[in-house]
Amino acid sequence: MKPRAAQAADKRRRLTAAAAQVLHEQGVERTTLADIARAADVPVGNVYYYFKTKDELVQAALSEHSAHLDQLTNQLDQLPDPLDRLKALIETWVAQRDTAARYGCPTGTLAVEVDKRANGTLDAEAGAVIRRLLDWAGHQFRALGLPDPDDLAVTLISGYQGMSLLANALRDPDIMTRQGARLLHWLDSLQAPGRTP
C-alpha cells in the first residue's frame, strides 16, 4: 500500500490530468467539478480538498499544458538540427488532427475561453504557455541564422492556431494535414545565409 503522501500526490496528479482533458473537451463553463472527479476516478468531495475553486482547476490544467509543452520541446531538442525540430513540431500537430478537429488546440481554446472571464490572471497564465512555445520556436529560427526569428515564430504558431481553429470549426481534420504540409513547405523555403536547403 502506498504511503498517504504518495496517495495524495497521485490523486492530485490524476485530478490535474483530468482537468486538462475535460476542460479541453467540454470547455470551462460546461465543466463541473464532478466531471473532473469522474474522469480522475476520485470521489467528488476529494476535489475540494485539492482545488477549492474551478479557477484553481483551470490553473492546474494550464500547468499540465505547460508540462506537456516542456516534455514535447525536450524531446524535440534531442534532434540535432533546428529545422528538423521545427518540422517535427509540425508533424506532432498534424498527428493530433482528429483531436484538434473535435476540440481545437488545448492551450489556444483555453486561452480564448479564460480571456472572457472576469478573473484577470488566468488569461495571462494561458498566454504565458503560448509565449513559451513562441520563445522555443524563435530560438530554433535564431539557431538557423534566419532574420526576424521572433516574427517567424509568430508566423509558425499563428499557422498552427489557425489550422486548429478551422479544423475544429469545420470538423475537418484534413485541414490540419493540408496546412501542416504547407507549413513544412514554408520552412523548406526559408534560406539561412550559408545554409543549403
N, C-alpha and C. Protein backbone atom coordinates (compact mmCIF):
# COMPACT_ATOMS: atom_id res chain seq x y z
N MET A 1 0.84 -1.18 0.00
CA MET A 1 0.00 0.00 0.00
C MET A 1 0.88 1.25 0.00
N LYS A 2 0.46 2.24 -0.78
CA LYS A 2 1.25 3.47 -0.88
C LYS A 2 1.13 4.28 0.40
N PRO A 3 2.21 4.98 0.79
CA PRO A 3 2.10 5.91 1.92
C PRO A 3 1.09 7.01 1.60
N ARG A 4 0.52 7.60 2.63
CA ARG A 4 -0.53 8.61 2.48
C ARG A 4 -0.09 9.77 1.58
N ALA A 5 1.14 10.24 1.75
CA ALA A 5 1.63 11.37 0.94
C ALA A 5 1.68 10.98 -0.54
N ALA A 6 2.09 9.74 -0.83
CA ALA A 6 2.15 9.28 -2.22
C ALA A 6 0.75 9.15 -2.80
N GLN A 7 -0.20 8.68 -1.99
CA GLN A 7 -1.59 8.58 -2.44
C GLN A 7 -2.16 9.96 -2.76
N ALA A 8 -1.87 10.91 -1.89
CA ALA A 8 -2.35 12.28 -2.10
C ALA A 8 -1.75 12.88 -3.37
N ALA A 9 -0.45 12.67 -3.57
CA ALA A 9 0.22 13.19 -4.77
C ALA A 9 -0.36 12.54 -6.02
N ASP A 10 -0.66 11.24 -5.95
CA ASP A 10 -1.23 10.53 -7.08
C ASP A 10 -2.63 11.07 -7.40
N LYS A 11 -3.44 11.31 -6.37
CA LYS A 11 -4.78 11.86 -6.58
C LYS A 11 -4.71 13.25 -7.23
N ARG A 12 -3.81 14.08 -6.70
CA ARG A 12 -3.67 15.43 -7.26
C ARG A 12 -3.22 15.36 -8.72
N ARG A 13 -2.29 14.46 -9.01
CA ARG A 13 -1.81 14.31 -10.39
C ARG A 13 -2.94 13.86 -11.31
N ARG A 14 -3.74 12.90 -10.84
CA ARG A 14 -4.88 12.42 -11.64
C ARG A 14 -5.90 13.52 -11.86
N LEU A 15 -6.16 14.31 -10.83
CA LEU A 15 -7.11 15.42 -10.96
C LEU A 15 -6.60 16.48 -11.93
N THR A 16 -5.30 16.76 -11.88
CA THR A 16 -4.71 17.76 -12.78
C THR A 16 -4.81 17.29 -14.23
N ALA A 17 -4.45 16.03 -14.48
CA ALA A 17 -4.55 15.48 -15.84
C ALA A 17 -5.99 15.46 -16.31
N ALA A 18 -6.91 15.08 -15.42
CA ALA A 18 -8.32 15.05 -15.78
C ALA A 18 -8.84 16.45 -16.07
N ALA A 19 -8.41 17.44 -15.29
CA ALA A 19 -8.83 18.82 -15.52
C ALA A 19 -8.40 19.27 -16.91
N ALA A 20 -7.17 18.98 -17.29
CA ALA A 20 -6.67 19.38 -18.61
C ALA A 20 -7.51 18.73 -19.71
N GLN A 21 -7.80 17.46 -19.55
CA GLN A 21 -8.55 16.72 -20.57
C GLN A 21 -10.01 17.21 -20.65
N VAL A 22 -10.68 17.25 -19.52
CA VAL A 22 -12.11 17.58 -19.52
C VAL A 22 -12.34 19.03 -19.92
N LEU A 23 -11.51 19.94 -19.43
CA LEU A 23 -11.66 21.35 -19.82
C LEU A 23 -11.44 21.52 -21.32
N HIS A 24 -10.51 20.76 -21.89
CA HIS A 24 -10.27 20.81 -23.33
C HIS A 24 -11.49 20.30 -24.08
N GLU A 25 -12.06 19.21 -23.61
CA GLU A 25 -13.17 18.59 -24.32
C GLU A 25 -14.49 19.32 -24.13
N GLN A 26 -14.73 19.89 -22.95
CA GLN A 26 -16.03 20.47 -22.65
C GLN A 26 -16.03 21.99 -22.51
N GLY A 27 -14.85 22.57 -22.29
CA GLY A 27 -14.78 24.00 -22.04
C GLY A 27 -14.97 24.30 -20.56
N VAL A 28 -14.56 25.48 -20.16
CA VAL A 28 -14.58 25.86 -18.75
C VAL A 28 -16.00 25.96 -18.23
N GLU A 29 -16.86 26.63 -18.96
CA GLU A 29 -18.20 26.90 -18.45
C GLU A 29 -19.03 25.62 -18.30
N ARG A 30 -18.88 24.68 -19.21
CA ARG A 30 -19.70 23.46 -19.16
C ARG A 30 -19.14 22.39 -18.24
N THR A 31 -17.91 22.56 -17.78
CA THR A 31 -17.28 21.55 -16.94
C THR A 31 -17.61 21.79 -15.48
N THR A 32 -17.97 20.71 -14.81
CA THR A 32 -18.22 20.78 -13.36
C THR A 32 -17.10 20.05 -12.63
N LEU A 33 -17.00 20.32 -11.34
CA LEU A 33 -16.01 19.60 -10.54
C LEU A 33 -16.32 18.11 -10.54
N ALA A 34 -17.60 17.76 -10.61
CA ALA A 34 -17.98 16.34 -10.66
C ALA A 34 -17.48 15.68 -11.94
N ASP A 35 -17.49 16.41 -13.06
CA ASP A 35 -16.97 15.87 -14.32
C ASP A 35 -15.50 15.51 -14.17
N ILE A 36 -14.76 16.39 -13.53
CA ILE A 36 -13.32 16.17 -13.37
C ILE A 36 -13.07 15.04 -12.39
N ALA A 37 -13.84 14.99 -11.32
CA ALA A 37 -13.70 13.90 -10.34
C ALA A 37 -13.96 12.56 -11.02
N ARG A 38 -15.01 12.49 -11.84
CA ARG A 38 -15.35 11.25 -12.54
C ARG A 38 -14.22 10.83 -13.47
N ALA A 39 -13.67 11.77 -14.23
CA ALA A 39 -12.58 11.45 -15.17
C ALA A 39 -11.31 11.01 -14.44
N ALA A 40 -11.11 11.55 -13.23
CA ALA A 40 -9.92 11.19 -12.44
C ALA A 40 -10.14 9.96 -11.58
N ASP A 41 -11.40 9.47 -11.56
CA ASP A 41 -11.77 8.34 -10.70
C ASP A 41 -11.46 8.64 -9.23
N VAL A 42 -11.93 9.84 -8.82
CA VAL A 42 -11.73 10.33 -7.46
C VAL A 42 -13.10 10.77 -6.93
N PRO A 43 -13.44 10.49 -5.68
CA PRO A 43 -14.71 10.98 -5.14
C PRO A 43 -14.79 12.51 -5.25
N VAL A 44 -15.97 13.00 -5.63
CA VAL A 44 -16.11 14.43 -5.89
C VAL A 44 -15.74 15.27 -4.66
N GLY A 45 -16.00 14.76 -3.46
CA GLY A 45 -15.64 15.51 -2.26
C GLY A 45 -14.15 15.73 -2.13
N ASN A 46 -13.35 14.82 -2.71
CA ASN A 46 -11.90 14.95 -2.65
C ASN A 46 -11.38 16.10 -3.51
N VAL A 47 -12.14 16.45 -4.55
CA VAL A 47 -11.70 17.54 -5.43
C VAL A 47 -11.53 18.81 -4.63
N TYR A 48 -12.46 19.08 -3.73
CA TYR A 48 -12.42 20.32 -2.95
C TYR A 48 -11.23 20.35 -1.99
N TYR A 49 -10.73 19.19 -1.62
CA TYR A 49 -9.56 19.13 -0.76
C TYR A 49 -8.33 19.67 -1.48
N TYR A 50 -8.23 19.37 -2.78
CA TYR A 50 -7.06 19.77 -3.56
C TYR A 50 -7.26 21.10 -4.30
N PHE A 51 -8.49 21.35 -4.74
CA PHE A 51 -8.79 22.54 -5.53
C PHE A 51 -10.08 23.16 -5.00
N LYS A 52 -9.98 24.35 -4.46
CA LYS A 52 -11.13 24.99 -3.82
C LYS A 52 -12.12 25.58 -4.83
N THR A 53 -11.62 25.97 -6.00
CA THR A 53 -12.48 26.62 -7.00
C THR A 53 -12.19 26.05 -8.38
N LYS A 54 -13.09 26.34 -9.29
CA LYS A 54 -12.88 25.93 -10.68
C LYS A 54 -11.65 26.64 -11.27
N ASP A 55 -11.44 27.90 -10.87
CA ASP A 55 -10.26 28.62 -11.36
C ASP A 55 -8.97 27.90 -10.98
N GLU A 56 -8.94 27.32 -9.78
CA GLU A 56 -7.74 26.56 -9.39
C GLU A 56 -7.56 25.33 -10.28
N LEU A 57 -8.67 24.73 -10.70
CA LEU A 57 -8.57 23.61 -11.64
C LEU A 57 -8.10 24.07 -13.01
N VAL A 58 -8.55 25.24 -13.43
CA VAL A 58 -8.07 25.80 -14.70
C VAL A 58 -6.57 26.05 -14.62
N GLN A 59 -6.11 26.59 -13.48
CA GLN A 59 -4.66 26.80 -13.30
C GLN A 59 -3.92 25.46 -13.35
N ALA A 60 -4.51 24.43 -12.74
CA ALA A 60 -3.89 23.11 -12.78
C ALA A 60 -3.82 22.58 -14.21
N ALA A 61 -4.89 22.81 -14.98
CA ALA A 61 -4.89 22.38 -16.38
C ALA A 61 -3.81 23.12 -17.16
N LEU A 62 -3.66 24.41 -16.90
CA LEU A 62 -2.61 25.18 -17.58
C LEU A 62 -1.23 24.66 -17.21
N SER A 63 -1.05 24.26 -15.95
CA SER A 63 0.22 23.66 -15.53
C SER A 63 0.47 22.36 -16.28
N GLU A 64 -0.59 21.61 -16.48
CA GLU A 64 -0.48 20.35 -17.24
C GLU A 64 -0.09 20.63 -18.68
N HIS A 65 -0.71 21.64 -19.30
CA HIS A 65 -0.34 22.01 -20.67
C HIS A 65 1.12 22.45 -20.73
N SER A 66 1.54 23.20 -19.73
CA SER A 66 2.92 23.67 -19.68
C SER A 66 3.90 22.50 -19.54
N ALA A 67 3.55 21.53 -18.69
CA ALA A 67 4.40 20.34 -18.52
C ALA A 67 4.46 19.53 -19.80
N HIS A 68 3.31 19.43 -20.48
CA HIS A 68 3.27 18.70 -21.75
C HIS A 68 4.15 19.40 -22.79
N LEU A 69 4.09 20.73 -22.82
CA LEU A 69 4.93 21.50 -23.74
C LEU A 69 6.40 21.27 -23.43
N ASP A 70 6.77 21.30 -22.16
CA ASP A 70 8.16 21.03 -21.77
C ASP A 70 8.62 19.65 -22.23
N GLN A 71 7.76 18.68 -22.03
CA GLN A 71 8.09 17.30 -22.44
C GLN A 71 8.29 17.24 -23.95
N LEU A 72 7.38 17.87 -24.70
CA LEU A 72 7.49 17.86 -26.16
C LEU A 72 8.76 18.57 -26.63
N THR A 73 9.01 19.77 -26.12
CA THR A 73 10.18 20.51 -26.60
C THR A 73 11.48 19.84 -26.16
N ASN A 74 11.48 19.20 -25.01
CA ASN A 74 12.68 18.45 -24.59
C ASN A 74 12.94 17.29 -25.54
N GLN A 75 11.88 16.62 -25.99
CA GLN A 75 12.05 15.54 -26.97
C GLN A 75 12.55 16.10 -28.30
N LEU A 76 11.96 17.20 -28.73
CA LEU A 76 12.37 17.79 -30.00
C LEU A 76 13.81 18.29 -29.93
N ASP A 77 14.22 18.78 -28.77
CA ASP A 77 15.59 19.28 -28.61
C ASP A 77 16.64 18.17 -28.76
N GLN A 78 16.21 16.92 -28.72
CA GLN A 78 17.14 15.80 -28.93
C GLN A 78 17.55 15.69 -30.39
N LEU A 79 16.75 16.26 -31.28
CA LEU A 79 17.10 16.25 -32.70
C LEU A 79 18.25 17.23 -32.93
N PRO A 80 19.24 16.85 -33.74
CA PRO A 80 20.44 17.68 -33.86
C PRO A 80 20.25 18.98 -34.64
N ASP A 81 19.25 19.05 -35.52
CA ASP A 81 19.10 20.21 -36.40
C ASP A 81 17.84 21.00 -36.04
N PRO A 82 17.96 22.34 -35.90
CA PRO A 82 16.79 23.15 -35.55
C PRO A 82 15.66 23.06 -36.59
N LEU A 83 16.01 22.91 -37.86
CA LEU A 83 14.97 22.78 -38.89
C LEU A 83 14.21 21.47 -38.68
N ASP A 84 14.92 20.41 -38.36
CA ASP A 84 14.26 19.13 -38.08
C ASP A 84 13.36 19.24 -36.85
N ARG A 85 13.78 20.02 -35.85
CA ARG A 85 12.96 20.21 -34.65
C ARG A 85 11.65 20.90 -35.01
N LEU A 86 11.73 21.95 -35.82
CA LEU A 86 10.52 22.67 -36.22
C LEU A 86 9.61 21.78 -37.06
N LYS A 87 10.20 21.00 -37.96
CA LYS A 87 9.39 20.09 -38.77
C LYS A 87 8.73 19.02 -37.91
N ALA A 88 9.45 18.52 -36.94
CA ALA A 88 8.88 17.50 -36.04
C ALA A 88 7.74 18.10 -35.22
N LEU A 89 7.86 19.38 -34.87
CA LEU A 89 6.77 20.05 -34.15
C LEU A 89 5.51 20.06 -35.01
N ILE A 90 5.65 20.44 -36.27
CA ILE A 90 4.51 20.46 -37.18
C ILE A 90 3.94 19.06 -37.35
N GLU A 91 4.79 18.08 -37.48
CA GLU A 91 4.32 16.69 -37.63
C GLU A 91 3.56 16.23 -36.38
N THR A 92 3.98 16.70 -35.21
CA THR A 92 3.26 16.39 -33.97
C THR A 92 1.86 17.00 -34.01
N TRP A 93 1.77 18.25 -34.46
CA TRP A 93 0.46 18.89 -34.58
C TRP A 93 -0.44 18.12 -35.52
N VAL A 94 0.10 17.75 -36.68
CA VAL A 94 -0.71 17.04 -37.68
C VAL A 94 -1.16 15.68 -37.14
N ALA A 95 -0.30 15.02 -36.37
CA ALA A 95 -0.65 13.72 -35.79
C ALA A 95 -1.83 13.83 -34.83
N GLN A 96 -2.08 15.03 -34.31
CA GLN A 96 -3.19 15.25 -33.37
C GLN A 96 -4.40 15.86 -34.07
N ARG A 97 -4.47 15.69 -35.39
CA ARG A 97 -5.51 16.35 -36.19
C ARG A 97 -6.93 15.94 -35.79
N ASP A 98 -7.15 14.69 -35.43
CA ASP A 98 -8.52 14.27 -35.06
C ASP A 98 -8.96 14.96 -33.77
N THR A 99 -8.05 15.06 -32.81
CA THR A 99 -8.37 15.75 -31.55
C THR A 99 -8.59 17.23 -31.81
N ALA A 100 -7.75 17.83 -32.65
CA ALA A 100 -7.90 19.26 -32.96
C ALA A 100 -9.23 19.52 -33.67
N ALA A 101 -9.61 18.63 -34.57
CA ALA A 101 -10.87 18.81 -35.29
C ALA A 101 -12.06 18.71 -34.35
N ARG A 102 -11.92 17.92 -33.33
CA ARG A 102 -13.05 17.75 -32.39
C ARG A 102 -13.09 18.84 -31.32
N TYR A 103 -11.90 19.25 -30.81
CA TYR A 103 -11.87 20.14 -29.64
C TYR A 103 -11.03 21.41 -29.83
N GLY A 104 -10.23 21.51 -30.88
CA GLY A 104 -9.33 22.64 -31.04
C GLY A 104 -8.00 22.42 -30.32
N CYS A 105 -7.17 23.43 -30.31
CA CYS A 105 -5.88 23.38 -29.62
C CYS A 105 -6.15 23.47 -28.11
N PRO A 106 -5.57 22.56 -27.32
CA PRO A 106 -5.84 22.58 -25.88
C PRO A 106 -5.54 23.93 -25.22
N THR A 107 -4.37 24.48 -25.47
CA THR A 107 -3.99 25.72 -24.82
C THR A 107 -4.67 26.91 -25.47
N GLY A 108 -4.74 26.92 -26.79
CA GLY A 108 -5.35 28.04 -27.50
C GLY A 108 -6.81 28.23 -27.16
N THR A 109 -7.58 27.13 -27.14
CA THR A 109 -9.01 27.26 -26.83
C THR A 109 -9.20 27.69 -25.37
N LEU A 110 -8.35 27.17 -24.49
CA LEU A 110 -8.45 27.56 -23.08
C LEU A 110 -8.09 29.04 -22.91
N ALA A 111 -7.08 29.49 -23.64
CA ALA A 111 -6.68 30.91 -23.55
C ALA A 111 -7.82 31.83 -23.99
N VAL A 112 -8.49 31.47 -25.06
CA VAL A 112 -9.61 32.29 -25.55
C VAL A 112 -10.75 32.29 -24.54
N GLU A 113 -11.02 31.11 -23.99
CA GLU A 113 -12.14 31.00 -23.05
C GLU A 113 -11.89 31.76 -21.76
N VAL A 114 -10.70 31.65 -21.18
CA VAL A 114 -10.46 32.34 -19.91
C VAL A 114 -10.31 33.84 -20.10
N ASP A 115 -9.99 34.27 -21.31
CA ASP A 115 -9.91 35.70 -21.58
C ASP A 115 -11.26 36.38 -21.40
N LYS A 116 -12.33 35.63 -21.59
CA LYS A 116 -13.68 36.18 -21.49
C LYS A 116 -14.22 36.15 -20.06
N ARG A 117 -13.47 35.61 -19.14
CA ARG A 117 -13.93 35.52 -17.75
C ARG A 117 -13.46 36.74 -16.96
N ALA A 118 -14.06 36.95 -15.83
CA ALA A 118 -13.77 38.13 -15.01
C ALA A 118 -12.37 38.08 -14.39
N ASN A 119 -11.90 36.86 -14.07
CA ASN A 119 -10.59 36.72 -13.43
C ASN A 119 -9.50 37.16 -14.40
N GLY A 120 -8.68 38.12 -14.00
CA GLY A 120 -7.67 38.66 -14.89
C GLY A 120 -6.34 37.94 -14.89
N THR A 121 -6.17 36.90 -14.07
CA THR A 121 -4.87 36.24 -14.03
C THR A 121 -4.80 35.00 -14.89
N LEU A 122 -5.92 34.31 -15.07
CA LEU A 122 -5.89 33.07 -15.85
C LEU A 122 -5.53 33.31 -17.30
N ASP A 123 -6.01 34.41 -17.88
CA ASP A 123 -5.67 34.68 -19.28
C ASP A 123 -4.18 34.93 -19.43
N ALA A 124 -3.58 35.59 -18.46
CA ALA A 124 -2.13 35.82 -18.51
C ALA A 124 -1.36 34.51 -18.38
N GLU A 125 -1.86 33.61 -17.53
CA GLU A 125 -1.20 32.31 -17.38
C GLU A 125 -1.31 31.49 -18.66
N ALA A 126 -2.47 31.53 -19.32
CA ALA A 126 -2.63 30.82 -20.59
C ALA A 126 -1.70 31.43 -21.64
N GLY A 127 -1.64 32.75 -21.65
CA GLY A 127 -0.75 33.43 -22.59
C GLY A 127 0.71 33.08 -22.35
N ALA A 128 1.08 32.86 -21.09
CA ALA A 128 2.47 32.51 -20.77
C ALA A 128 2.86 31.16 -21.36
N VAL A 129 1.92 30.21 -21.40
CA VAL A 129 2.22 28.90 -22.01
C VAL A 129 2.46 29.07 -23.50
N ILE A 130 1.61 29.86 -24.16
CA ILE A 130 1.79 30.11 -25.59
C ILE A 130 3.09 30.88 -25.83
N ARG A 131 3.41 31.81 -24.95
CA ARG A 131 4.66 32.59 -25.07
C ARG A 131 5.87 31.66 -25.02
N ARG A 132 5.81 30.64 -24.18
CA ARG A 132 6.95 29.70 -24.08
C ARG A 132 7.15 28.95 -25.38
N LEU A 133 6.04 28.58 -26.04
CA LEU A 133 6.16 27.91 -27.34
C LEU A 133 6.73 28.87 -28.38
N LEU A 134 6.27 30.12 -28.35
CA LEU A 134 6.82 31.13 -29.27
C LEU A 134 8.31 31.31 -29.03
N ASP A 135 8.72 31.39 -27.78
CA ASP A 135 10.15 31.57 -27.46
C ASP A 135 10.97 30.38 -27.95
N TRP A 136 10.44 29.18 -27.75
CA TRP A 136 11.16 27.98 -28.20
C TRP A 136 11.32 28.00 -29.72
N ALA A 137 10.23 28.31 -30.44
CA ALA A 137 10.29 28.35 -31.90
C ALA A 137 11.24 29.46 -32.36
N GLY A 138 11.18 30.62 -31.70
CA GLY A 138 12.09 31.71 -32.04
C GLY A 138 13.55 31.30 -31.87
N HIS A 139 13.82 30.53 -30.84
CA HIS A 139 15.18 30.04 -30.61
C HIS A 139 15.63 29.15 -31.77
N GLN A 140 14.72 28.34 -32.29
CA GLN A 140 15.07 27.45 -33.41
C GLN A 140 15.39 28.26 -34.67
N PHE A 141 14.56 29.27 -34.94
CA PHE A 141 14.81 30.11 -36.12
C PHE A 141 16.11 30.90 -35.95
N ARG A 142 16.39 31.31 -34.71
CA ARG A 142 17.64 32.02 -34.43
C ARG A 142 18.83 31.10 -34.69
N ALA A 143 18.72 29.85 -34.25
CA ALA A 143 19.80 28.88 -34.45
C ALA A 143 20.03 28.60 -35.94
N LEU A 144 18.98 28.78 -36.74
CA LEU A 144 19.12 28.60 -38.19
C LEU A 144 19.76 29.82 -38.85
N GLY A 145 19.96 30.89 -38.09
CA GLY A 145 20.57 32.10 -38.63
C GLY A 145 19.63 32.92 -39.49
N LEU A 146 18.33 32.75 -39.29
CA LEU A 146 17.36 33.47 -40.11
C LEU A 146 17.07 34.84 -39.52
N PRO A 147 16.82 35.84 -40.37
CA PRO A 147 16.45 37.17 -39.87
C PRO A 147 15.05 37.14 -39.28
N ASP A 148 14.80 38.01 -38.34
CA ASP A 148 13.48 38.16 -37.70
C ASP A 148 12.96 36.84 -37.12
N PRO A 149 13.77 36.15 -36.31
CA PRO A 149 13.35 34.83 -35.81
C PRO A 149 12.08 34.86 -34.96
N ASP A 150 11.87 35.95 -34.21
CA ASP A 150 10.67 36.01 -33.39
C ASP A 150 9.42 36.19 -34.24
N ASP A 151 9.54 36.95 -35.33
CA ASP A 151 8.41 37.10 -36.25
C ASP A 151 8.11 35.79 -36.97
N LEU A 152 9.16 35.05 -37.32
CA LEU A 152 8.95 33.74 -37.95
C LEU A 152 8.24 32.80 -36.98
N ALA A 153 8.60 32.89 -35.71
CA ALA A 153 7.94 32.05 -34.69
C ALA A 153 6.46 32.40 -34.61
N VAL A 154 6.14 33.70 -34.65
CA VAL A 154 4.73 34.11 -34.63
C VAL A 154 4.00 33.56 -35.85
N THR A 155 4.63 33.62 -37.02
CA THR A 155 4.02 33.08 -38.24
C THR A 155 3.74 31.59 -38.08
N LEU A 156 4.71 30.85 -37.56
CA LEU A 156 4.55 29.40 -37.39
C LEU A 156 3.43 29.08 -36.40
N ILE A 157 3.46 29.70 -35.23
CA ILE A 157 2.47 29.38 -34.19
C ILE A 157 1.09 29.89 -34.61
N SER A 158 1.04 31.02 -35.31
CA SER A 158 -0.24 31.51 -35.84
C SER A 158 -0.81 30.52 -36.85
N GLY A 159 0.07 29.95 -37.66
CA GLY A 159 -0.37 28.94 -38.63
C GLY A 159 -1.00 27.75 -37.92
N TYR A 160 -0.37 27.32 -36.84
CA TYR A 160 -0.92 26.20 -36.07
C TYR A 160 -2.26 26.55 -35.44
N GLN A 161 -2.31 27.72 -34.79
CA GLN A 161 -3.56 28.12 -34.14
C GLN A 161 -4.68 28.27 -35.17
N GLY A 162 -4.35 28.83 -36.32
CA GLY A 162 -5.36 29.00 -37.36
C GLY A 162 -5.86 27.68 -37.91
N MET A 163 -4.94 26.75 -38.18
CA MET A 163 -5.40 25.48 -38.73
C MET A 163 -6.16 24.66 -37.68
N SER A 164 -5.80 24.80 -36.41
CA SER A 164 -6.55 24.12 -35.34
C SER A 164 -7.96 24.69 -35.24
N LEU A 165 -8.05 26.01 -35.29
CA LEU A 165 -9.35 26.67 -35.20
C LEU A 165 -10.26 26.25 -36.36
N LEU A 166 -9.73 26.29 -37.58
CA LEU A 166 -10.54 25.93 -38.75
C LEU A 166 -10.90 24.46 -38.75
N ALA A 167 -9.95 23.60 -38.39
CA ALA A 167 -10.25 22.16 -38.33
C ALA A 167 -11.37 21.91 -37.33
N ASN A 168 -11.33 22.62 -36.20
CA ASN A 168 -12.36 22.47 -35.18
C ASN A 168 -13.69 23.04 -35.64
N ALA A 169 -13.68 24.24 -36.18
CA ALA A 169 -14.92 24.90 -36.60
C ALA A 169 -15.61 24.11 -37.71
N LEU A 170 -14.82 23.54 -38.61
CA LEU A 170 -15.39 22.81 -39.75
C LEU A 170 -15.43 21.31 -39.51
N ARG A 171 -14.92 20.86 -38.35
CA ARG A 171 -14.86 19.43 -38.01
C ARG A 171 -14.18 18.64 -39.14
N ASP A 172 -13.06 19.21 -39.60
CA ASP A 172 -12.35 18.62 -40.75
C ASP A 172 -10.87 18.45 -40.42
N PRO A 173 -10.46 17.24 -39.96
CA PRO A 173 -9.05 17.04 -39.62
C PRO A 173 -8.11 17.17 -40.81
N ASP A 174 -8.64 17.02 -42.04
CA ASP A 174 -7.78 17.12 -43.21
C ASP A 174 -7.19 18.52 -43.37
N ILE A 175 -7.85 19.52 -42.78
CA ILE A 175 -7.29 20.88 -42.80
C ILE A 175 -5.93 20.87 -42.13
N MET A 176 -5.81 20.14 -41.03
CA MET A 176 -4.52 20.05 -40.33
C MET A 176 -3.46 19.41 -41.24
N THR A 177 -3.86 18.38 -41.96
CA THR A 177 -2.93 17.69 -42.85
C THR A 177 -2.45 18.62 -43.96
N ARG A 178 -3.40 19.28 -44.61
CA ARG A 178 -3.04 20.15 -45.74
C ARG A 178 -2.23 21.36 -45.28
N GLN A 179 -2.67 22.01 -44.21
CA GLN A 179 -1.95 23.19 -43.75
C GLN A 179 -0.61 22.83 -43.12
N GLY A 180 -0.54 21.66 -42.49
CA GLY A 180 0.75 21.19 -41.98
C GLY A 180 1.75 21.02 -43.11
N ALA A 181 1.29 20.46 -44.24
CA ALA A 181 2.17 20.30 -45.41
C ALA A 181 2.62 21.66 -45.93
N ARG A 182 1.72 22.64 -45.89
CA ARG A 182 2.10 24.00 -46.33
C ARG A 182 3.14 24.61 -45.40
N LEU A 183 2.97 24.39 -44.10
CA LEU A 183 3.96 24.91 -43.14
C LEU A 183 5.32 24.23 -43.35
N LEU A 184 5.31 22.93 -43.62
CA LEU A 184 6.59 22.24 -43.89
C LEU A 184 7.25 22.80 -45.15
N HIS A 185 6.45 23.04 -46.17
CA HIS A 185 6.98 23.63 -47.40
C HIS A 185 7.52 25.03 -47.13
N TRP A 186 6.80 25.80 -46.32
CA TRP A 186 7.26 27.15 -45.96
C TRP A 186 8.61 27.08 -45.25
N LEU A 187 8.76 26.14 -44.31
CA LEU A 187 10.04 26.01 -43.62
C LEU A 187 11.16 25.69 -44.59
N ASP A 188 10.90 24.79 -45.54
CA ASP A 188 11.92 24.44 -46.54
C ASP A 188 12.29 25.63 -47.42
N SER A 189 11.35 26.55 -47.60
CA SER A 189 11.61 27.69 -48.49
C SER A 189 12.47 28.77 -47.84
N LEU A 190 12.60 28.71 -46.51
CA LEU A 190 13.39 29.73 -45.81
C LEU A 190 14.86 29.46 -46.05
N GLN A 191 15.59 30.47 -46.42
CA GLN A 191 17.01 30.30 -46.69
C GLN A 191 17.84 31.05 -45.66
N ALA A 192 18.61 30.32 -44.90
CA ALA A 192 19.55 30.96 -43.97
C ALA A 192 20.84 31.24 -44.73
N PRO A 193 21.55 32.32 -44.37
CA PRO A 193 22.83 32.60 -45.03
C PRO A 193 23.78 31.43 -44.86
N GLY A 194 24.32 30.96 -45.98
CA GLY A 194 25.31 29.87 -45.94
C GLY A 194 24.72 28.50 -45.70
N ARG A 195 23.42 28.38 -45.73
CA ARG A 195 22.78 27.09 -45.48
C ARG A 195 22.17 26.59 -46.78
N THR A 196 22.40 25.33 -47.09
CA THR A 196 21.81 24.77 -48.30
C THR A 196 20.50 24.08 -47.93
N PRO A 197 19.49 24.19 -48.79
CA PRO A 197 18.20 23.60 -48.48
C PRO A 197 18.25 22.08 -48.48
